[in-house]
């Protein structure tokens, strides 16, 4: 049985060079890019980006409208639950005072 042979530095360098050359040959063998296909791909990408931007703007507008509606509801709720105003408290105090005075 043949013993395992550890590859030497020269063997590893040669295999790396061969692999690099094989990759380079494969890259050179590719057909050139078709300009019409590239232009169509570019146009499709621009259309997708424009569509995404419009959807993003619609979502932001809806979010802004919902936020303004929520702020209006919060303001109305705060106004309704604010309690008696200064004039109402004074009127209630005066009524209590008048009731005490009328009991005497």
PDB file of N, CA and C in Angstrom:
ATOM      1  N   UNK A   1       0.834  -1.169   0.000  1.00  0.00           N
ATOM      2  CA  UNK A   1       0.000   0.000   0.000  1.00  0.00           C
ATOM      3  C   UNK A   1       0.882   1.236   0.000  1.00  0.00           C
ATOM      4  N   UNK A   2       0.468   2.203  -0.773  1.00  0.00           N
ATOM      5  CA  UNK A   2       1.238   3.409  -0.925  1.00  0.00           C
ATOM      6  C   UNK A   2       0.994   4.334   0.272  1.00  0.00           C
ATOM      7  N   UNK A   3       2.011   4.917   0.802  1.00  0.00           N
ATOM      8  CA  UNK A   3       1.892   5.807   1.950  1.00  0.00           C
ATOM      9  C   UNK A   3       1.327   7.160   1.493  1.00  0.00           C
ATOM     10  N   UNK A   4       0.663   7.847   2.424  1.00  0.00           N
ATOM     11  CA  UNK A   4       0.097   9.165   2.119  1.00  0.00           C
ATOM     12  C   UNK A   4       1.224  10.135   1.856  1.00  0.00           C
ATOM     13  N   UNK A   5       1.075  10.913   0.794  1.00  0.00           N
ATOM     14  CA  UNK A   5       2.108  11.859   0.408  1.00  0.00           C
ATOM     15  C   UNK A   5       1.609  13.266   0.702  1.00  0.00           C
ATOM     16  N   UNK A   6       2.243  13.951   1.606  1.00  0.00           N
ATOM     17  CA  UNK A   6       1.895  15.330   1.944  1.00  0.00           C
ATOM     18  C   UNK A   6       2.346  16.221   0.792  1.00  0.00           C
ATOM     19  N   UNK A   7       1.436  17.026   0.196  1.00  0.00           N
ATOM     20  CA  UNK A   7       1.863  17.866  -0.931  1.00  0.00           C
ATOM     21  C   UNK A   7       2.862  18.932  -0.465  1.00  0.00           C
ATOM     22  N   UNK A   8       3.843  19.147  -1.299  1.00  0.00           N
ATOM     23  CA  UNK A   8       4.867  20.124  -0.949  1.00  0.00           C
ATOM     24  C   UNK A   8       4.366  21.528  -1.275  1.00  0.00           C
ATOM     25  N   UNK A   9       5.159  22.481  -0.907  1.00  0.00           N
ATOM     26  CA  UNK A   9       4.816  23.883  -1.160  1.00  0.00           C
ATOM     27  C   UNK A   9       4.702  24.126  -2.663  1.00  0.00           C
ATOM     28  N   UNK A  10       5.630  23.560  -3.421  1.00  0.00           N
ATOM     29  CA  UNK A  10       5.605  23.734  -4.876  1.00  0.00           C
ATOM     30  C   UNK A  10       4.339  23.118  -5.488  1.00  0.00           C
ATOM     31  N   UNK A  11       3.931  21.961  -4.972  1.00  0.00           N
ATOM     32  CA  UNK A  11       2.708  21.325  -5.471  1.00  0.00           C
ATOM     33  C   UNK A  11       1.484  22.195  -5.193  1.00  0.00           C
ATOM     34  N   UNK A  12       1.410  22.731  -3.998  1.00  0.00           N
ATOM     35  CA  UNK A  12       0.272  23.594  -3.637  1.00  0.00           C
ATOM     36  C   UNK A  12       0.254  24.855  -4.481  1.00  0.00           C
ATOM     37  N   UNK A  13       1.402  25.458  -4.721  1.00  0.00           N
ATOM     38  CA  UNK A  13       1.475  26.666  -5.548  1.00  0.00           C
ATOM     39  C   UNK A  13       1.066  26.353  -6.998  1.00  0.00           C
ATOM     40  N   UNK A  14       1.482  25.205  -7.492  1.00  0.00           N
ATOM     41  CA  UNK A  14       1.132  24.827  -8.861  1.00  0.00           C
ATOM     42  C   UNK A  14      -0.379  24.604  -8.983  1.00  0.00           C
ATOM     43  N   UNK A  15      -0.991  23.934  -8.008  1.00  0.00           N
ATOM     44  CA  UNK A  15      -2.439  23.697  -8.040  1.00  0.00           C
ATOM     45  C   UNK A  15      -3.207  25.019  -7.937  1.00  0.00           C
ATOM     46  N   UNK A  16      -2.719  25.926  -7.123  1.00  0.00           N
ATOM     47  CA  UNK A  16      -3.372  27.231  -7.002  1.00  0.00           C
ATOM     48  C   UNK A  16      -3.287  27.989  -8.323  1.00  0.00           C
ATOM     49  N   UNK A  17      -2.143  27.940  -8.977  1.00  0.00           N
ATOM     50  CA  UNK A  17      -1.975  28.618 -10.268  1.00  0.00           C
ATOM     51  C   UNK A  17      -2.879  27.998 -11.324  1.00  0.00           C
ATOM     52  N   UNK A  18      -3.007  26.660 -11.303  1.00  0.00           N
ATOM     53  CA  UNK A  18      -3.878  25.980 -12.254  1.00  0.00           C
ATOM     54  C   UNK A  18      -5.336  26.364 -12.023  1.00  0.00           C
ATOM     55  N   UNK A  19      -5.736  26.424 -10.776  1.00  0.00           N
ATOM     56  CA  UNK A  19      -7.119  26.796 -10.458  1.00  0.00           C
ATOM     57  C   UNK A  19      -7.402  28.229 -10.878  1.00  0.00           C
ATOM     58  N   UNK A  20      -6.427  29.105 -10.650  1.00  0.00           N
ATOM     59  CA  UNK A  20      -6.591  30.507 -11.046  1.00  0.00           C
ATOM     60  C   UNK A  20      -6.708  30.629 -12.560  1.00  0.00           C
ATOM     61  N   UNK A  21      -5.881  29.877 -13.285  1.00  0.00           N
ATOM     62  CA  UNK A  21      -5.927  29.919 -14.743  1.00  0.00           C
ATOM     63  C   UNK A  21      -7.241  29.342 -15.263  1.00  0.00           C
ATOM     64  N   UNK A  22      -7.734  28.287 -14.630  1.00  0.00           N
ATOM     65  CA  UNK A  22      -9.002  27.686 -15.037  1.00  0.00           C
ATOM     66  C   UNK A  22     -10.144  28.677 -14.843  1.00  0.00           C
ATOM     67  N   UNK A  23     -10.152  29.400 -13.723  1.00  0.00           N
ATOM     68  CA  UNK A  23     -11.191  30.406 -13.471  1.00  0.00           C
ATOM     69  C   UNK A  23     -11.099  31.539 -14.480  1.00  0.00           C
ATOM     70  N   UNK A  24      -9.885  31.956 -14.799  1.00  0.00           N
ATOM     71  CA  UNK A  24      -9.685  33.027 -15.771  1.00  0.00           C
ATOM     72  C   UNK A  24     -10.159  32.602 -17.157  1.00  0.00           C
ATOM     73  N   UNK A  25      -9.880  31.364 -17.537  1.00  0.00           N
ATOM     74  CA  UNK A  25     -10.333  30.859 -18.829  1.00  0.00           C
ATOM     75  C   UNK A  25     -11.865  30.805 -18.883  1.00  0.00           C
ATOM     76  N   UNK A  26     -12.479  30.379 -17.787  1.00  0.00           N
ATOM     77  CA  UNK A  26     -13.939  30.317 -17.744  1.00  0.00           C
ATOM     78  C   UNK A  26     -14.532  31.715 -17.869  1.00  0.00           C
ATOM     79  N   UNK A  27     -13.897  32.687 -17.249  1.00  0.00           N
ATOM     80  CA  UNK A  27     -14.385  34.064 -17.329  1.00  0.00           C
ATOM     81  C   UNK A  27     -14.241  34.612 -18.736  1.00  0.00           C
ATOM     82  N   UNK A  28     -13.132  34.298 -19.394  1.00  0.00           N
ATOM     83  CA  UNK A  28     -12.904  34.776 -20.760  1.00  0.00           C
ATOM     84  C   UNK A  28     -13.841  34.093 -21.751  1.00  0.00           C
ATOM     85  N   UNK A  29     -14.283  32.876 -21.443  1.00  0.00           N
ATOM     86  CA  UNK A  29     -15.133  32.123 -22.362  1.00  0.00           C
ATOM     87  C   UNK A  29     -16.579  32.605 -22.335  1.00  0.00           C
ATOM     88  N   UNK A  30     -16.935  33.410 -21.369  1.00  0.00           N
ATOM     89  CA  UNK A  30     -18.312  33.912 -21.302  1.00  0.00           C
ATOM     90  C   UNK A  30     -18.609  34.779 -22.517  1.00  0.00           C
ATOM     91  N   UNK A  31     -19.837  34.682 -23.040  1.00  0.00           N
ATOM     92  CA  UNK A  31     -20.188  35.544 -24.172  1.00  0.00           C
ATOM     93  C   UNK A  31     -20.300  36.992 -23.696  1.00  0.00           C
ATOM     94  N   UNK A  32     -20.068  37.945 -24.587  1.00  0.00           N
ATOM     95  CA  UNK A  32     -20.177  39.341 -24.176  1.00  0.00           C
ATOM     96  C   UNK A  32     -21.611  39.696 -23.800  1.00  0.00           C
ATOM     97  N   UNK A  33     -21.762  40.691 -22.964  1.00  0.00           N
ATOM     98  CA  UNK A  33     -23.094  41.086 -22.495  1.00  0.00           C
ATOM     99  C   UNK A  33     -23.881  41.716 -23.630  1.00  0.00           C
ATOM    100  N   UNK A  34     -25.145  41.372 -23.715  1.00  0.00           N
ATOM    101  CA  UNK A  34     -26.044  41.927 -24.723  1.00  0.00           C
ATOM    102  C   UNK A  34     -26.525  43.291 -24.225  1.00  0.00           C
ATOM    103  N   UNK A  35     -26.244  44.336 -24.976  1.00  0.00           N
ATOM    104  CA  UNK A  35     -26.592  45.696 -24.554  1.00  0.00           C
ATOM    105  C   UNK A  35     -28.098  45.881 -24.415  1.00  0.00           C
ATOM    106  N   UNK A  36     -28.877  45.262 -25.300  1.00  0.00           N
ATOM    107  CA  UNK A  36     -30.338  45.394 -25.226  1.00  0.00           C
ATOM    108  C   UNK A  36     -30.868  44.749 -23.945  1.00  0.00           C
ATOM    109  N   UNK A  37     -30.312  43.583 -23.608  1.00  0.00           N
ATOM    110  CA  UNK A  37     -30.749  42.908 -22.386  1.00  0.00           C
ATOM    111  C   UNK A  37     -30.355  43.718 -21.157  1.00  0.00           C
ATOM    112  N   UNK A  38     -29.146  44.276 -21.189  1.00  0.00           N
ATOM    113  CA  UNK A  38     -28.711  45.102 -20.065  1.00  0.00           C
ATOM    114  C   UNK A  38     -29.598  46.335 -19.916  1.00  0.00           C
ATOM    115  N   UNK A  39     -29.957  46.970 -21.035  1.00  0.00           N
ATOM    116  CA  UNK A  39     -30.822  48.148 -20.989  1.00  0.00           C
ATOM    117  C   UNK A  39     -32.201  47.774 -20.457  1.00  0.00           C
ATOM    118  N   UNK A  40     -32.726  46.634 -20.891  1.00  0.00           N
ATOM    119  CA  UNK A  40     -34.037  46.190 -20.404  1.00  0.00           C
ATOM    120  C   UNK A  40     -33.984  45.908 -18.912  1.00  0.00           C
ATOM    121  N   UNK A  41     -32.907  45.281 -18.455  1.00  0.00           N
ATOM    122  CA  UNK A  41     -32.747  44.990 -17.035  1.00  0.00           C
ATOM    123  C   UNK A  41     -32.645  46.280 -16.219  1.00  0.00           C
ATOM    124  N   UNK A  42     -31.906  47.267 -16.759  1.00  0.00           N
ATOM    125  CA  UNK A  42     -31.765  48.559 -16.093  1.00  0.00           C
ATOM    126  C   UNK A  42     -33.121  49.268 -15.993  1.00  0.00           C
ATOM    127  N   UNK A  43     -33.880  49.243 -17.103  1.00  0.00           N
ATOM    128  CA  UNK A  43     -35.202  49.879 -17.112  1.00  0.00           C
ATOM    129  C   UNK A  43     -36.145  49.213 -16.109  1.00  0.00           C
ATOM    130  N   UNK A  44     -36.097  47.897 -16.047  1.00  0.00           N
ATOM    131  CA  UNK A  44     -36.944  47.170 -15.095  1.00  0.00           C
ATOM    132  C   UNK A  44     -36.566  47.530 -13.665  1.00  0.00           C
ATOM    133  N   UNK A  45     -35.281  47.651 -13.403  1.00  0.00           N
ATOM    134  CA  UNK A  45     -34.834  48.019 -12.051  1.00  0.00           C
ATOM    135  C   UNK A  45     -35.292  49.434 -11.701  1.00  0.00           C
ATOM    136  N   UNK A  46     -35.215  50.360 -12.654  1.00  0.00           N
ATOM    137  CA  UNK A  46     -35.685  51.726 -12.400  1.00  0.00           C
ATOM    138  C   UNK A  46     -37.187  51.758 -12.152  1.00  0.00           C
ATOM    139  N   UNK A  47     -37.936  50.953 -12.902  1.00  0.00           N
ATOM    140  CA  UNK A  47     -39.388  50.892 -12.705  1.00  0.00           C
ATOM    141  C   UNK A  47     -39.722  50.325 -11.332  1.00  0.00           C
ATOM    142  N   UNK A  48     -38.991  49.270 -10.923  1.00  0.00           N
ATOM    143  CA  UNK A  48     -39.221  48.697  -9.589  1.00  0.00           C
ATOM    144  C   UNK A  48     -38.928  49.717  -8.505  1.00  0.00           C
ATOM    145  N   UNK A  49     -37.834  50.454  -8.660  1.00  0.00           N
ATOM    146  CA  UNK A  49     -37.466  51.443  -7.651  1.00  0.00           C
ATOM    147  C   UNK A  49     -38.496  52.570  -7.581  1.00  0.00           C
ATOM    148  N   UNK A  50     -39.012  52.995  -8.736  1.00  0.00           N
ATOM    149  CA  UNK A  50     -40.045  54.032  -8.747  1.00  0.00           C
ATOM    150  C   UNK A  50     -41.316  53.529  -8.074  1.00  0.00           C
ATOM    151  N   UNK A  51     -41.677  52.274  -8.326  1.00  0.00           N
ATOM    152  CA  UNK A  51     -42.855  51.684  -7.695  1.00  0.00           C
ATOM    153  C   UNK A  51     -42.671  51.604  -6.184  1.00  0.00           C
ATOM    154  N   UNK A  52     -41.496  51.184  -5.756  1.00  0.00           N
ATOM    155  CA  UNK A  52     -41.214  51.116  -4.311  1.00  0.00           C
ATOM    156  C   UNK A  52     -41.286  52.485  -3.676  1.00  0.00           C
ATOM    157  N   UNK A  53     -40.756  53.499  -4.367  1.00  0.00           N
ATOM    158  CA  UNK A  53     -40.776  54.855  -3.819  1.00  0.00           C
ATOM    159  C   UNK A  53     -42.209  55.361  -3.687  1.00  0.00           C
ATOM    160  N   UNK A  54     -43.047  55.081  -4.673  1.00  0.00           N
ATOM    161  CA  UNK A  54     -44.437  55.543  -4.587  1.00  0.00           C
ATOM    162  C   UNK A  54     -45.177  54.827  -3.463  1.00  0.00           C
ATOM    163  N   UNK A  55     -44.938  53.524  -3.308  1.00  0.00           N
ATOM    164  CA  UNK A  55     -45.583  52.799  -2.204  1.00  0.00           C
ATOM    165  C   UNK A  55     -45.089  53.301  -0.859  1.00  0.00           C
ATOM    166  N   UNK A  56     -43.784  53.612  -0.788  1.00  0.00           N
ATOM    167  CA  UNK A  56     -43.232  54.155   0.450  1.00  0.00           C
ATOM    168  C   UNK A  56     -43.882  55.487   0.789  1.00  0.00           C
ATOM    169  N   UNK A  57     -44.080  56.342  -0.230  1.00  0.00           N
ATOM    170  CA  UNK A  57     -44.708  57.645  -0.016  1.00  0.00           C
ATOM    171  C   UNK A  57     -46.162  57.483   0.416  1.00  0.00           C
ATOM    172  N   UNK A  58     -46.889  56.531  -0.182  1.00  0.00           N
ATOM    173  CA  UNK A  58     -48.275  56.281   0.208  1.00  0.00           C
ATOM    174  C   UNK A  58     -48.359  55.803   1.654  1.00  0.00           C
ATOM    175  N   UNK A  59     -47.459  54.888   2.030  1.00  0.00           N
ATOM    176  CA  UNK A  59     -47.468  54.396   3.418  1.00  0.00           C
ATOM    177  C   UNK A  59     -47.151  55.517   4.390  1.00  0.00           C
ATOM    178  N   UNK A  60     -46.202  56.380   4.031  1.00  0.00           N
ATOM    179  CA  UNK A  60     -45.843  57.489   4.916  1.00  0.00           C
ATOM    180  C   UNK A  60     -47.002  58.471   5.041  1.00  0.00           C
ATOM    181  N   UNK A  61     -47.708  58.743   3.934  1.00  0.00           N
ATOM    182  CA  UNK A  61     -48.854  59.650   3.979  1.00  0.00           C
ATOM    183  C   UNK A  61     -49.959  59.068   4.864  1.00  0.00           C
ATOM    184  N   UNK A  62     -50.211  57.762   4.731  1.00  0.00           N
ATOM    185  CA  UNK A  62     -51.223  57.112   5.568  1.00  0.00           C
ATOM    186  C   UNK A  62     -50.821  57.153   7.037  1.00  0.00           C
ATOM    187  N   UNK A  63     -49.536  56.940   7.301  1.00  0.00           N
ATOM    188  CA  UNK A  63     -49.045  56.981   8.675  1.00  0.00           C
ATOM    189  C   UNK A  63     -49.178  58.387   9.257  1.00  0.00           C
ATOM    190  N   UNK A  64     -48.855  59.411   8.450  1.00  0.00           N
ATOM    191  CA  UNK A  64     -48.992  60.794   8.916  1.00  0.00           C
ATOM    192  C   UNK A  64     -50.445  61.147   9.195  1.00  0.00           C
ATOM    193  N   UNK A  65     -51.351  60.702   8.312  1.00  0.00           N
ATOM    194  CA  UNK A  65     -52.770  60.983   8.511  1.00  0.00           C
ATOM    195  C   UNK A  65     -53.279  60.296   9.773  1.00  0.00           C
ATOM    196  N   UNK A  66     -52.885  59.042   9.981  1.00  0.00           N
ATOM    197  CA  UNK A  66     -53.305  58.318  11.180  1.00  0.00           C
ATOM    198  C   UNK A  66     -52.769  59.003  12.434  1.00  0.00           C
ATOM    199  N   UNK A  67     -51.537  59.501  12.366  1.00  0.00           N
ATOM    200  CA  UNK A  67     -50.952  60.182  13.523  1.00  0.00           C
ATOM    201  C   UNK A  67     -51.696  61.476  13.821  1.00  0.00           C
ATOM    202  N   UNK A  68     -52.075  62.229  12.776  1.00  0.00           N
ATOM    203  CA  UNK A  68     -52.795  63.479  13.011  1.00  0.00           C
ATOM    204  C   UNK A  68     -54.196  63.202  13.561  1.00  0.00           C
ATOM    205  N   UNK A  69     -54.851  62.137  13.063  1.00  0.00           N
ATOM    206  CA  UNK A  69     -56.166  61.769  13.588  1.00  0.00           C
ATOM    207  C   UNK A  69     -56.060  61.340  15.053  1.00  0.00           C
ATOM    208  N   UNK A  70     -55.026  60.582  15.378  1.00  0.00           N
ATOM    209  CA  UNK A  70     -54.826  60.141  16.762  1.00  0.00           C
ATOM    210  C   UNK A  70     -54.562  61.334  17.666  1.00  0.00           C
ATOM    211  N   UNK A  71     -53.781  62.301  17.182  1.00  0.00           N
ATOM    212  CA  UNK A  71     -53.504  63.494  17.973  1.00  0.00           C
ATOM    213  C   UNK A  71     -54.788  64.279  18.225  1.00  0.00           C
ATOM    214  N   UNK A  72     -55.663  64.368  17.214  1.00  0.00           N
ATOM    215  CA  UNK A  72     -56.936  65.065  17.393  1.00  0.00           C
ATOM    216  C   UNK A  72     -57.811  64.332  18.406  1.00  0.00           C
ATOM    217  N   UNK A  73     -57.842  62.982  18.331  1.00  0.00           N
ATOM    218  CA  UNK A  73     -58.628  62.208  19.308  1.00  0.00           C
ATOM    219  C   UNK A  73     -58.066  62.378  20.708  1.00  0.00           C
ATOM    220  N   UNK A  74     -56.739  62.376  20.833  1.00  0.00           N
ATOM    221  CA  UNK A  74     -56.123  62.554  22.150  1.00  0.00           C
ATOM    222  C   UNK A  74     -56.429  63.934  22.723  1.00  0.00           C
ATOM    223  N   UNK A  75     -56.385  64.952  21.862  1.00  0.00           N
ATOM    224  CA  UNK A  75     -56.677  66.310  22.329  1.00  0.00           C
ATOM    225  C   UNK A  75     -58.126  66.426  22.783  1.00  0.00           C
ATOM    226  N   UNK A  76     -59.052  65.814  22.037  1.00  0.00           N
ATOM    227  CA  UNK A  76     -60.466  65.847  22.413  1.00  0.00           C
ATOM    228  C   UNK A  76     -60.691  65.098  23.725  1.00  0.00           C
ATOM    229  N   UNK A  77     -60.024  63.970  23.880  1.00  0.00           N
ATOM    230  CA  UNK A  77     -60.169  63.189  25.116  1.00  0.00           C
ATOM    231  C   UNK A  77     -59.576  63.944  26.301  1.00  0.00           C
ATOM    232  N   UNK A  78     -58.459  64.603  26.092  1.00  0.00           N
ATOM    233  CA  UNK A  78     -57.843  65.361  27.184  1.00  0.00           C
ATOM    234  C   UNK A  78     -58.713  66.546  27.571  1.00  0.00           C
ATOM    235  N   UNK A  79     -59.324  67.171  26.581  1.00  0.00           N
ATOM    236  CA  UNK A  79     -60.206  68.314  26.864  1.00  0.00           C
ATOM    237  C   UNK A  79     -61.445  67.855  27.613  1.00  0.00           C
ATOM    238  N   UNK A  80     -61.970  66.688  27.239  1.00  0.00           N
ATOM    239  CA  UNK A  80     -63.182  66.177  27.886  1.00  0.00           C
ATOM    240  C   UNK A  80     -62.898  65.727  29.317  1.00  0.00           C
ATOM    241  N   UNK A  81     -61.733  65.204  29.564  1.00  0.00           N
ATOM    242  CA  UNK A  81     -61.428  64.686  30.897  1.00  0.00           C
ATOM    243  C   UNK A  81     -60.580  65.643  31.718  1.00  0.00           C
ATOM    244  N   UNK A  82     -60.508  66.896  31.310  1.00  0.00           N
ATOM    245  CA  UNK A  82     -59.658  67.855  32.008  1.00  0.00           C
ATOM    246  C   UNK A  82     -60.227  68.243  33.361  1.00  0.00           C
ATOM    247  N   UNK A  83     -61.507  68.021  33.589  1.00  0.00           N
ATOM    248  CA  UNK A  83     -62.117  68.380  34.858  1.00  0.00           C
ATOM    249  C   UNK A  83     -62.726  69.768  34.759  1.00  0.00           C
ATOM    250  N   UNK A  84     -63.207  70.260  35.887  1.00  0.00           N
ATOM    251  CA  UNK A  84     -63.872  71.565  35.872  1.00  0.00           C
ATOM    252  C   UNK A  84     -62.885  72.694  35.614  1.00  0.00           C
ATOM    253  N   UNK A  85     -63.384  73.711  34.940  1.00  0.00           N
ATOM    254  CA  UNK A  85     -62.552  74.877  34.685  1.00  0.00           C
ATOM    255  C   UNK A  85     -62.518  75.764  35.921  1.00  0.00           C
ATOM    256  N   UNK A  86     -61.724  76.793  35.875  1.00  0.00           N
ATOM    257  CA  UNK A  86     -61.601  77.716  37.004  1.00  0.00           C
ATOM    258  C   UNK A  86     -62.947  78.376  37.317  1.00  0.00           C
ATOM    259  N   UNK A  87     -63.694  78.775  36.282  1.00  0.00           N
ATOM    260  CA  UNK A  87     -64.993  79.411  36.503  1.00  0.00           C
ATOM    261  C   UNK A  87     -65.984  78.442  37.137  1.00  0.00           C
ATOM    262  N   UNK A  88     -65.959  77.177  36.707  1.00  0.00           N
ATOM    263  CA  UNK A  88     -66.871  76.189  37.273  1.00  0.00           C
ATOM    264  C   UNK A  88     -66.555  75.942  38.742  1.00  0.00           C
ATOM    265  N   UNK A  89     -65.254  75.882  39.077  1.00  0.00           N
ATOM    266  CA  UNK A  89     -64.883  75.692  40.485  1.00  0.00           C
ATOM    267  C   UNK A  89     -65.314  76.880  41.341  1.00  0.00           C
ATOM    268  N   UNK A  90     -65.162  78.093  40.812  1.00  0.00           N
ATOM    269  CA  UNK A  90     -65.590  79.289  41.555  1.00  0.00           C
ATOM    270  C   UNK A  90     -67.105  79.280  41.754  1.00  0.00           C
ATOM    271  N   UNK A  91     -67.849  78.889  40.716  1.00  0.00           N
ATOM    272  CA  UNK A  91     -69.309  78.845  40.819  1.00  0.00           C
ATOM    273  C   UNK A  91     -69.734  77.823  41.870  1.00  0.00           C
ATOM    274  N   UNK A  92     -69.082  76.663  41.900  1.00  0.00           N
ATOM    275  CA  UNK A  92     -69.407  75.630  42.889  1.00  0.00           C
ATOM    276  C   UNK A  92     -69.080  76.116  44.293  1.00  0.00           C
ATOM    277  N   UNK A  93     -67.961  76.802  44.449  1.00  0.00           N
ATOM    278  CA  UNK A  93     -67.588  77.333  45.762  1.00  0.00           C
ATOM    279  C   UNK A  93     -68.614  78.387  46.226  1.00  0.00           C
ATOM    280  N   UNK A  94     -68.989  79.267  45.310  1.00  0.00           N
ATOM    281  CA  UNK A  94     -69.981  80.295  45.654  1.00  0.00           C
ATOM    282  C   UNK A  94     -71.319  79.666  46.020  1.00  0.00           C
ATOM    283  N   UNK A  95     -71.700  78.585  45.338  1.00  0.00           N
ATOM    284  CA  UNK A  95     -72.962  77.911  45.653  1.00  0.00           C
ATOM    285  C   UNK A  95     -72.900  77.286  47.036  1.00  0.00           C
ATOM    286  N   UNK A  96     -71.783  76.685  47.397  1.00  0.00           N
ATOM    287  CA  UNK A  96     -71.636  76.117  48.741  1.00  0.00           C
ATOM    288  C   UNK A  96     -71.700  77.215  49.801  1.00  0.00           C
ATOM    289  N   UNK A  97     -71.051  78.331  49.515  1.00  0.00           N
ATOM    290  CA  UNK A  97     -71.061  79.461  50.459  1.00  0.00           C
ATOM    291  C   UNK A  97     -72.490  79.985  50.632  1.00  0.00           C
ATOM    292  N   UNK A  98     -73.196  80.121  49.527  1.00  0.00           N
ATOM    293  CA  UNK A  98     -74.579  80.628  49.602  1.00  0.00           C
ATOM    294  C   UNK A  98     -75.463  79.645  50.357  1.00  0.00           C
ATOM    295  N   UNK A  99     -75.248  78.326  50.178  1.00  0.00           N
ATOM    296  CA  UNK A  99     -76.027  77.342  50.899  1.00  0.00           C
ATOM    297  C   UNK A  99     -75.760  77.413  52.403  1.00  0.00           C
ATOM    298  N   UNK A 100     -74.513  77.591  52.760  1.00  0.00           N
ATOM    299  CA  UNK A 100     -74.184  77.734  54.188  1.00  0.00           C
ATOM    300  C   UNK A 100     -74.833  78.974  54.774  1.00  0.00           C
ATOM    301  N   UNK A 101     -74.815  80.052  54.007  1.00  0.00           N
ATOM    302  CA  UNK A 101     -75.381  81.313  54.498  1.00  0.00           C
ATOM    303  C   UNK A 101     -76.910  81.214  54.644  1.00  0.00           C
ATOM    304  N   UNK A 102     -77.532  80.468  53.732  1.00  0.00           N
ATOM    305  CA  UNK A 102     -78.988  80.377  53.791  1.00  0.00           C
ATOM    306  C   UNK A 102     -79.444  79.481  54.940  1.00  0.00           C
ATOM    307  N   UNK A 103     -78.604  78.593  55.445  1.00  0.00           N
ATOM    308  CA  UNK A 103     -78.949  77.719  56.555  1.00  0.00           C
ATOM    309  C   UNK A 103     -78.924  78.465  57.866  1.00  0.00           C
ATOM    310  N   UNK A 104     -78.260  79.579  57.976  1.00  0.00           N
ATOM    311  CA  UNK A 104     -78.149  80.324  59.235  1.00  0.00           C
ATOM    312  C   UNK A 104     -79.361  81.084  59.547  1.00  0.00           C
TER     313      UNK A 104
END
